[in-house]
Amino acid sequence: MNLILFEPAELTAPLPRTDPRAVHLLGVLRREAGGTFDAGVINGPRGQGTLVQIGPDSLTLRFTWGAALPPLESITLLIGLPRPQTARDILREATSLGVSALHFFRTEKGESSYAQSTLWSSGEWRRHLITGAEQAFDTRLPALTHGQSLAEVIATLPLPATRLALDNYESPQPLSAGGITPPVALAFGPERGWSAAERDLLRAQSFGFAHLGPRVLRSETAVIAALAVVRAKLGLL
């Protein structure tokens, strides 16, 4: 953890010693009473935490905060529901790279059982967002939806200046070739690719098509690569 994040309601409560953050403070950072560490409030400010007291069952903490962070860069990802482990990787890495929203949608060629994963039903997905933010030394989490159709997700989007869908088969140019102006919406198909109807829908909703070169990438790799290209073209790298 480069930054230890807390929910607002946790700030005045003792931290149980069984909590992974307490284990990290004592076992990895090796903080003793009086020691400080980098902390943040989820979707709030960063600051310094102080380990006031180490009790037998819990830690007593105190915090001082800086200014709130500005909004995230306006980059929205639309992702055909992948297998749960792939989704976990995307949740973590896309958050680290600073996207403002993630929409995991149902697709015609995707595996329908993926939407029933405990990743989504148990709320586990939020933990992966927090891990990604902590890695990036950030407090801001992207907005997230899952289980809607592609049409339903597109209907909720503002009208961004750049709408692009990644496609190995019907894209006229590489992602790196075109101009990109924020806000940006990037759409990624499922592991089995877009259907003809989904391509028609995307075109009708002003999405252009682009590719990442001739190599077929894993979904999580394609997301990271595309985000790196977009952030570079926006001057964010």
C-alpha atoms as a PDB file:
ATOM      1  CA  MET A   1       0.000   0.000   0.000  1.00  0.00           C
ATOM      2  CA  ASN A   2       1.524   3.308  -1.071  1.00  0.00           C
ATOM      3  CA  LEU A   3      -1.423   5.089   0.538  1.00  0.00           C
ATOM      4  CA  ILE A   4      -3.702   3.623   3.209  1.00  0.00           C
ATOM      5  CA  LEU A   5      -7.324   4.503   2.520  1.00  0.00           C
ATOM      6  CA  PHE A   6     -10.204   4.766   4.960  1.00  0.00           C
ATOM      7  CA  GLU A   7     -13.934   5.178   4.595  1.00  0.00           C
ATOM      8  CA  PRO A   8     -15.168   8.411   6.241  1.00  0.00           C
ATOM      9  CA  ALA A   9     -17.025   6.436   8.927  1.00  0.00           C
ATOM     10  CA  GLU A  10     -13.800   4.668   9.957  1.00  0.00           C
ATOM     11  CA  LEU A  11     -11.837   7.779  10.877  1.00  0.00           C
ATOM     12  CA  THR A  12     -12.941   8.001  14.502  1.00  0.00           C
ATOM     13  CA  ALA A  13     -13.094   4.270  15.264  1.00  0.00           C
ATOM     14  CA  PRO A  14     -10.258   2.002  16.463  1.00  0.00           C
ATOM     15  CA  LEU A  15      -8.726  -0.110  13.702  1.00  0.00           C
ATOM     16  CA  PRO A  16      -8.868  -3.836  14.561  1.00  0.00           C
ATOM     17  CA  ARG A  17      -5.475  -5.488  14.565  1.00  0.00           C
ATOM     18  CA  THR A  18      -6.870  -8.163  12.239  1.00  0.00           C
ATOM     19  CA  ASP A  19      -7.644  -5.543   9.580  1.00  0.00           C
ATOM     20  CA  PRO A  20      -5.201  -5.813   6.604  1.00  0.00           C
ATOM     21  CA  ARG A  21      -4.343  -2.136   7.040  1.00  0.00           C
ATOM     22  CA  ALA A  22      -3.311  -2.708  10.649  1.00  0.00           C
ATOM     23  CA  VAL A  23      -1.274  -5.744   9.610  1.00  0.00           C
ATOM     24  CA  HIS A  24       0.424  -3.580   6.963  1.00  0.00           C
ATOM     25  CA  LEU A  25       1.164  -0.772   9.420  1.00  0.00           C
ATOM     26  CA  LEU A  26       2.718  -3.074  12.007  1.00  0.00           C
ATOM     27  CA  GLY A  27       4.227  -5.840   9.906  1.00  0.00           C
ATOM     28  CA  VAL A  28       5.296  -4.118   6.675  1.00  0.00           C
ATOM     29  CA  LEU A  29       5.766  -0.442   7.557  1.00  0.00           C
ATOM     30  CA  ARG A  30       6.896  -1.442  11.083  1.00  0.00           C
ATOM     31  CA  ARG A  31       5.301   1.606  12.661  1.00  0.00           C
ATOM     32  CA  GLU A  32       5.390   1.971  16.427  1.00  0.00           C
ATOM     33  CA  ALA A  33       3.310   4.256  18.636  1.00  0.00           C
ATOM     34  CA  GLY A  34       3.901   7.833  17.506  1.00  0.00           C
ATOM     35  CA  GLY A  35       4.841   6.806  13.963  1.00  0.00           C
ATOM     36  CA  THR A  36       3.217   8.412  10.943  1.00  0.00           C
ATOM     37  CA  PHE A  37       2.056   7.082   7.567  1.00  0.00           C
ATOM     38  CA  ASP A  38       0.436   8.331   4.359  1.00  0.00           C
ATOM     39  CA  ALA A  39      -3.347   8.109   4.555  1.00  0.00           C
ATOM     40  CA  GLY A  40      -6.388   9.188   2.612  1.00  0.00           C
ATOM     41  CA  VAL A  41     -10.160   9.364   2.773  1.00  0.00           C
ATOM     42  CA  ILE A  42     -11.882   7.494  -0.050  1.00  0.00           C
ATOM     43  CA  ASN A  43     -12.991  10.146  -2.553  1.00  0.00           C
ATOM     44  CA  GLY A  44     -11.617  12.785  -0.203  1.00  0.00           C
ATOM     45  CA  PRO A  45      -8.294  14.351   0.824  1.00  0.00           C
ATOM     46  CA  ARG A  46      -4.876  12.850   1.442  1.00  0.00           C
ATOM     47  CA  GLY A  47      -2.893  13.501   4.576  1.00  0.00           C
ATOM     48  CA  GLN A  48      -0.893  11.972   7.395  1.00  0.00           C
ATOM     49  CA  GLY A  49      -2.013   9.360   9.878  1.00  0.00           C
ATOM     50  CA  THR A  50      -0.414   8.928  13.273  1.00  0.00           C
ATOM     51  CA  LEU A  51      -0.381   5.643  15.155  1.00  0.00           C
ATOM     52  CA  VAL A  52      -1.347   6.943  18.584  1.00  0.00           C
ATOM     53  CA  GLN A  53      -1.619   3.683  20.502  1.00  0.00           C
ATOM     54  CA  ILE A  54      -1.165  -0.035  19.877  1.00  0.00           C
ATOM     55  CA  GLY A  55      -3.675  -1.996  21.928  1.00  0.00           C
ATOM     56  CA  PRO A  56      -4.037  -5.768  22.261  1.00  0.00           C
ATOM     57  CA  ASP A  57      -6.987  -5.846  19.848  1.00  0.00           C
ATOM     58  CA  SER A  58      -6.911  -2.546  17.954  1.00  0.00           C
ATOM     59  CA  LEU A  59      -4.917   0.505  16.912  1.00  0.00           C
ATOM     60  CA  THR A  60      -5.819   4.075  17.793  1.00  0.00           C
ATOM     61  CA  LEU A  61      -5.155   6.473  14.918  1.00  0.00           C
ATOM     62  CA  ARG A  62      -5.213  10.232  14.413  1.00  0.00           C
ATOM     63  CA  PHE A  63      -5.303  12.081  11.085  1.00  0.00           C
ATOM     64  CA  THR A  64      -4.466  15.456   9.603  1.00  0.00           C
ATOM     65  CA  TRP A  65      -5.716  16.244   6.099  1.00  0.00           C
ATOM     66  CA  GLY A  66      -4.673  18.374   3.164  1.00  0.00           C
ATOM     67  CA  ALA A  67      -6.867  19.797   0.440  1.00  0.00           C
ATOM     68  CA  ALA A  68      -9.315  17.607  -1.496  1.00  0.00           C
ATOM     69  CA  LEU A  69      -8.071  16.338  -4.846  1.00  0.00           C
ATOM     70  CA  PRO A  70      -9.497  17.644  -8.137  1.00  0.00           C
ATOM     71  CA  PRO A  71     -11.919  15.475 -10.164  1.00  0.00           C
ATOM     72  CA  LEU A  72     -10.512  12.560 -12.127  1.00  0.00           C
ATOM     73  CA  GLU A  73      -9.695  13.005 -15.805  1.00  0.00           C
ATOM     74  CA  SER A  74     -12.824  12.382 -17.870  1.00  0.00           C
ATOM     75  CA  ILE A  75     -12.024   8.935 -19.315  1.00  0.00           C
ATOM     76  CA  THR A  76     -14.880   6.426 -19.280  1.00  0.00           C
ATOM     77  CA  LEU A  77     -14.424   2.725 -20.056  1.00  0.00           C
ATOM     78  CA  LEU A  78     -17.163   0.457 -21.422  1.00  0.00           C
ATOM     79  CA  ILE A  79     -16.107  -3.187 -21.072  1.00  0.00           C
ATOM     80  CA  GLY A  80     -17.901  -6.339 -22.148  1.00  0.00           C
ATOM     81  CA  LEU A  81     -18.239  -8.464 -19.013  1.00  0.00           C
ATOM     82  CA  PRO A  82     -15.093 -10.634 -18.864  1.00  0.00           C
ATOM     83  CA  ARG A  83     -14.355 -13.618 -16.664  1.00  0.00           C
ATOM     84  CA  PRO A  84     -14.166 -12.558 -12.998  1.00  0.00           C
ATOM     85  CA  GLN A  85     -10.375 -12.793 -12.626  1.00  0.00           C
ATOM     86  CA  THR A  86      -9.900 -10.599 -15.694  1.00  0.00           C
ATOM     87  CA  ALA A  87     -12.419  -8.126 -14.294  1.00  0.00           C
ATOM     88  CA  ARG A  88     -10.473  -7.979 -11.026  1.00  0.00           C
ATOM     89  CA  ASP A  89      -7.301  -7.056 -12.902  1.00  0.00           C
ATOM     90  CA  ILE A  90      -9.110  -4.387 -14.911  1.00  0.00           C
ATOM     91  CA  LEU A  91     -10.781  -2.895 -11.840  1.00  0.00           C
ATOM     92  CA  ARG A  92      -7.429  -2.522 -10.095  1.00  0.00           C
ATOM     93  CA  GLU A  93      -5.285  -1.342 -13.014  1.00  0.00           C
ATOM     94  CA  ALA A  94      -7.834   1.024 -14.581  1.00  0.00           C
ATOM     95  CA  THR A  95      -8.279   2.685 -11.193  1.00  0.00           C
ATOM     96  CA  SER A  96      -4.505   3.031 -10.852  1.00  0.00           C
ATOM     97  CA  LEU A  97      -4.406   4.721 -14.261  1.00  0.00           C
ATOM     98  CA  GLY A  98      -7.087   7.218 -13.259  1.00  0.00           C
ATOM     99  CA  VAL A  99     -10.313   6.574 -15.186  1.00  0.00           C
ATOM    100  CA  SER A 100     -13.445   8.372 -14.061  1.00  0.00           C
ATOM    101  CA  ALA A 101     -15.982   5.606 -14.755  1.00  0.00           C
ATOM    102  CA  LEU A 102     -16.115   1.869 -15.502  1.00  0.00           C
ATOM    103  CA  HIS A 103     -19.174   0.212 -17.062  1.00  0.00           C
ATOM    104  CA  PHE A 104     -19.123  -3.596 -17.378  1.00  0.00           C
ATOM    105  CA  PHE A 105     -21.951  -4.486 -19.776  1.00  0.00           C
ATOM    106  CA  ARG A 106     -23.655  -7.668 -21.020  1.00  0.00           C
ATOM    107  CA  THR A 107     -22.830  -8.696 -24.581  1.00  0.00           C
ATOM    108  CA  GLU A 108     -24.214 -11.042 -27.225  1.00  0.00           C
ATOM    109  CA  LYS A 109     -21.093 -13.222 -27.405  1.00  0.00           C
ATOM    110  CA  GLY A 110     -20.077 -13.016 -23.755  1.00  0.00           C
ATOM    111  CA  GLU A 111     -20.600 -15.726 -21.154  1.00  0.00           C
ATOM    112  CA  SER A 112     -23.825 -14.852 -19.300  1.00  0.00           C
ATOM    113  CA  SER A 113     -22.687 -16.527 -16.061  1.00  0.00           C
ATOM    114  CA  TYR A 114     -19.985 -13.893 -15.570  1.00  0.00           C
ATOM    115  CA  ALA A 115     -22.675 -11.424 -14.466  1.00  0.00           C
ATOM    116  CA  GLN A 116     -23.615 -13.769 -11.585  1.00  0.00           C
ATOM    117  CA  SER A 117     -20.123 -13.837 -10.078  1.00  0.00           C
ATOM    118  CA  THR A 118     -19.752 -13.019  -6.393  1.00  0.00           C
ATOM    119  CA  LEU A 119     -17.293 -10.361  -7.548  1.00  0.00           C
ATOM    120  CA  TRP A 120     -20.372  -8.283  -8.346  1.00  0.00           C
ATOM    121  CA  SER A 121     -23.024  -9.657  -5.976  1.00  0.00           C
ATOM    122  CA  SER A 122     -20.890  -9.448  -2.821  1.00  0.00           C
ATOM    123  CA  GLY A 123     -19.466  -5.978  -3.452  1.00  0.00           C
ATOM    124  CA  GLU A 124     -15.951  -7.413  -3.769  1.00  0.00           C
ATOM    125  CA  TRP A 125     -15.398  -5.177  -6.805  1.00  0.00           C
ATOM    126  CA  ARG A 126     -15.042  -2.123  -4.548  1.00  0.00           C
ATOM    127  CA  ARG A 127     -12.067  -3.650  -2.758  1.00  0.00           C
ATOM    128  CA  HIS A 128     -10.202  -3.890  -6.068  1.00  0.00           C
ATOM    129  CA  LEU A 129     -10.921  -0.231  -6.834  1.00  0.00           C
ATOM    130  CA  ILE A 130      -9.490   0.719  -3.452  1.00  0.00           C
ATOM    131  CA  THR A 131      -6.378  -1.409  -4.044  1.00  0.00           C
ATOM    132  CA  GLY A 132      -5.819   0.344  -7.375  1.00  0.00           C
ATOM    133  CA  ALA A 133      -6.206   3.783  -5.811  1.00  0.00           C
ATOM    134  CA  GLU A 134      -3.823   2.930  -2.967  1.00  0.00           C
ATOM    135  CA  GLN A 135      -1.229   1.773  -5.489  1.00  0.00           C
ATOM    136  CA  ALA A 136      -1.538   5.080  -7.362  1.00  0.00           C
ATOM    137  CA  PHE A 137      -1.258   7.177  -4.179  1.00  0.00           C
ATOM    138  CA  ASP A 138      -4.750   8.489  -4.871  1.00  0.00           C
ATOM    139  CA  THR A 139      -8.050   8.593  -3.007  1.00  0.00           C
ATOM    140  CA  ARG A 140     -10.451   8.874  -5.948  1.00  0.00           C
ATOM    141  CA  LEU A 141     -12.435   5.864  -7.113  1.00  0.00           C
ATOM    142  CA  PRO A 142     -14.149   5.665 -10.506  1.00  0.00           C
ATOM    143  CA  ALA A 143     -17.905   5.389 -10.756  1.00  0.00           C
ATOM    144  CA  LEU A 144     -18.937   1.828 -11.609  1.00  0.00           C
ATOM    145  CA  THR A 145     -21.901  -0.048 -13.080  1.00  0.00           C
ATOM    146  CA  HIS A 146     -22.246  -3.701 -14.079  1.00  0.00           C
ATOM    147  CA  GLY A 147     -24.830  -5.914 -15.735  1.00  0.00           C
ATOM    148  CA  GLN A 148     -26.505  -3.430 -18.068  1.00  0.00           C
ATOM    149  CA  SER A 149     -26.674  -3.871 -21.843  1.00  0.00           C
ATOM    150  CA  LEU A 150     -24.400  -1.905 -24.149  1.00  0.00           C
ATOM    151  CA  ALA A 151     -27.353   0.216 -25.302  1.00  0.00           C
ATOM    152  CA  GLU A 152     -28.325   1.008 -21.707  1.00  0.00           C
ATOM    153  CA  VAL A 153     -24.781   2.080 -20.832  1.00  0.00           C
ATOM    154  CA  ILE A 154     -24.427   4.285 -23.913  1.00  0.00           C
ATOM    155  CA  ALA A 155     -27.750   5.961 -23.098  1.00  0.00           C
ATOM    156  CA  THR A 156     -26.326   7.149 -19.756  1.00  0.00           C
ATOM    157  CA  LEU A 157     -23.197   8.709 -21.245  1.00  0.00           C
ATOM    158  CA  PRO A 158     -22.769  12.417 -21.777  1.00  0.00           C
ATOM    159  CA  LEU A 159     -21.826  13.412 -25.302  1.00  0.00           C
ATOM    160  CA  PRO A 160     -18.025  13.100 -25.149  1.00  0.00           C
ATOM    161  CA  ALA A 161     -15.775  14.694 -27.712  1.00  0.00           C
ATOM    162  CA  THR A 162     -14.125  11.310 -28.404  1.00  0.00           C
ATOM    163  CA  ARG A 163     -15.960   7.976 -28.639  1.00  0.00           C
ATOM    164  CA  LEU A 164     -13.818   5.015 -29.673  1.00  0.00           C
ATOM    165  CA  ALA A 165     -14.349   1.247 -29.746  1.00  0.00           C
ATOM    166  CA  LEU A 166     -11.376  -1.109 -29.849  1.00  0.00           C
ATOM    167  CA  ASP A 167     -11.689  -3.773 -32.551  1.00  0.00           C
ATOM    168  CA  ASN A 168      -9.079  -6.042 -34.133  1.00  0.00           C
ATOM    169  CA  TYR A 169     -11.136  -6.742 -37.230  1.00  0.00           C
ATOM    170  CA  GLU A 170     -13.050  -3.710 -38.526  1.00  0.00           C
ATOM    171  CA  SER A 171     -10.992  -0.729 -37.354  1.00  0.00           C
ATOM    172  CA  PRO A 172      -9.445   1.534 -40.003  1.00  0.00           C
ATOM    173  CA  GLN A 173      -6.511   2.889 -37.996  1.00  0.00           C
ATOM    174  CA  PRO A 174      -4.468   2.409 -34.823  1.00  0.00           C
ATOM    175  CA  LEU A 175      -5.584   4.160 -31.656  1.00  0.00           C
ATOM    176  CA  SER A 176      -2.361   6.160 -31.686  1.00  0.00           C
ATOM    177  CA  ALA A 177      -3.122   7.720 -35.093  1.00  0.00           C
ATOM    178  CA  GLY A 178      -6.253   9.750 -34.416  1.00  0.00           C
ATOM    179  CA  GLY A 179      -6.841  12.901 -32.439  1.00  0.00           C
ATOM    180  CA  ILE A 180      -8.266  12.493 -28.945  1.00  0.00           C
ATOM    181  CA  THR A 181     -10.060  15.270 -27.101  1.00  0.00           C
ATOM    182  CA  PRO A 182     -11.598  14.937 -23.648  1.00  0.00           C
ATOM    183  CA  PRO A 183     -14.005  13.786 -22.451  1.00  0.00           C
ATOM    184  CA  VAL A 184     -13.235  10.303 -23.777  1.00  0.00           C
ATOM    185  CA  ALA A 185     -15.292   7.097 -23.905  1.00  0.00           C
ATOM    186  CA  LEU A 186     -13.427   3.869 -24.778  1.00  0.00           C
ATOM    187  CA  ALA A 187     -15.389   0.676 -25.484  1.00  0.00           C
ATOM    188  CA  PHE A 188     -13.901  -2.824 -25.294  1.00  0.00           C
ATOM    189  CA  GLY A 189     -15.730  -5.900 -26.520  1.00  0.00           C
ATOM    190  CA  PRO A 190     -15.959  -9.220 -24.685  1.00  0.00           C
ATOM    191  CA  GLU A 191     -13.296 -11.885 -24.967  1.00  0.00           C
ATOM    192  CA  ARG A 192     -15.083 -13.384 -28.021  1.00  0.00           C
ATOM    193  CA  GLY A 193     -15.333 -10.045 -29.809  1.00  0.00           C
ATOM    194  CA  TRP A 194     -18.111  -7.696 -30.901  1.00  0.00           C
ATOM    195  CA  SER A 195     -21.234  -8.983 -32.638  1.00  0.00           C
ATOM    196  CA  ALA A 196     -22.396  -7.387 -35.894  1.00  0.00           C
ATOM    197  CA  ALA A 197     -25.344  -5.799 -34.070  1.00  0.00           C
ATOM    198  CA  GLU A 198     -23.056  -4.309 -31.421  1.00  0.00           C
ATOM    199  CA  ARG A 199     -20.821  -2.816 -34.097  1.00  0.00           C
ATOM    200  CA  ASP A 200     -23.875  -1.289 -35.766  1.00  0.00           C
ATOM    201  CA  LEU A 201     -25.031   0.158 -32.442  1.00  0.00           C
ATOM    202  CA  LEU A 202     -21.626   1.666 -31.736  1.00  0.00           C
ATOM    203  CA  ARG A 203     -21.439   3.280 -35.160  1.00  0.00           C
ATOM    204  CA  ALA A 204     -24.956   4.660 -34.760  1.00  0.00           C
ATOM    205  CA  GLN A 205     -23.889   6.199 -31.437  1.00  0.00           C
ATOM    206  CA  SER A 206     -20.879   8.011 -32.947  1.00  0.00           C
ATOM    207  CA  PHE A 207     -18.183   5.548 -31.897  1.00  0.00           C
ATOM    208  CA  GLY A 208     -15.231   5.279 -34.242  1.00  0.00           C
ATOM    209  CA  PHE A 209     -13.196   2.079 -34.399  1.00  0.00           C
ATOM    210  CA  ALA A 210      -9.488   1.761 -33.665  1.00  0.00           C
ATOM    211  CA  HIS A 211      -7.005  -1.033 -32.992  1.00  0.00           C
ATOM    212  CA  LEU A 212      -3.847  -1.609 -30.978  1.00  0.00           C
ATOM    213  CA  GLY A 213      -1.875  -3.306 -33.733  1.00  0.00           C
ATOM    214  CA  PRO A 214      -1.933  -6.778 -35.289  1.00  0.00           C
ATOM    215  CA  ARG A 215      -1.405  -8.736 -32.083  1.00  0.00           C
ATOM    216  CA  VAL A 216      -4.449 -10.160 -30.273  1.00  0.00           C
ATOM    217  CA  LEU A 217      -4.208  -9.077 -26.641  1.00  0.00           C
ATOM    218  CA  ARG A 218      -5.844 -10.332 -23.491  1.00  0.00           C
ATOM    219  CA  SER A 219      -8.681  -8.070 -22.332  1.00  0.00           C
ATOM    220  CA  GLU A 220      -6.803  -6.723 -19.324  1.00  0.00           C
ATOM    221  CA  THR A 221      -3.714  -6.039 -21.450  1.00  0.00           C
ATOM    222  CA  ALA A 222      -5.761  -4.235 -24.110  1.00  0.00           C
ATOM    223  CA  VAL A 223      -7.357  -1.991 -21.485  1.00  0.00           C
ATOM    224  CA  ILE A 224      -3.985  -1.005 -20.013  1.00  0.00           C
ATOM    225  CA  ALA A 225      -2.401  -0.452 -23.428  1.00  0.00           C
ATOM    226  CA  ALA A 226      -5.304   1.660 -24.687  1.00  0.00           C
ATOM    227  CA  LEU A 227      -5.362   3.754 -21.534  1.00  0.00           C
ATOM    228  CA  ALA A 228      -1.623   4.386 -21.835  1.00  0.00           C
ATOM    229  CA  VAL A 229      -2.092   5.599 -25.424  1.00  0.00           C
ATOM    230  CA  VAL A 230      -5.012   7.849 -24.504  1.00  0.00           C
ATOM    231  CA  ARG A 231      -3.289   9.325 -21.457  1.00  0.00           C
ATOM    232  CA  ALA A 232      -0.176  10.026 -23.529  1.00  0.00           C
ATOM    233  CA  LYS A 233      -2.203  11.779 -26.239  1.00  0.00           C
ATOM    234  CA  LEU A 234      -3.955  13.860 -23.563  1.00  0.00           C
ATOM    235  CA  GLY A 235      -0.595  14.869 -22.093  1.00  0.00           C
ATOM    236  CA  LEU A 236      -1.208  12.967 -18.835  1.00  0.00           C
ATOM    237  CA  LEU A 237       1.978  10.839 -18.956  1.00  0.00           C
END
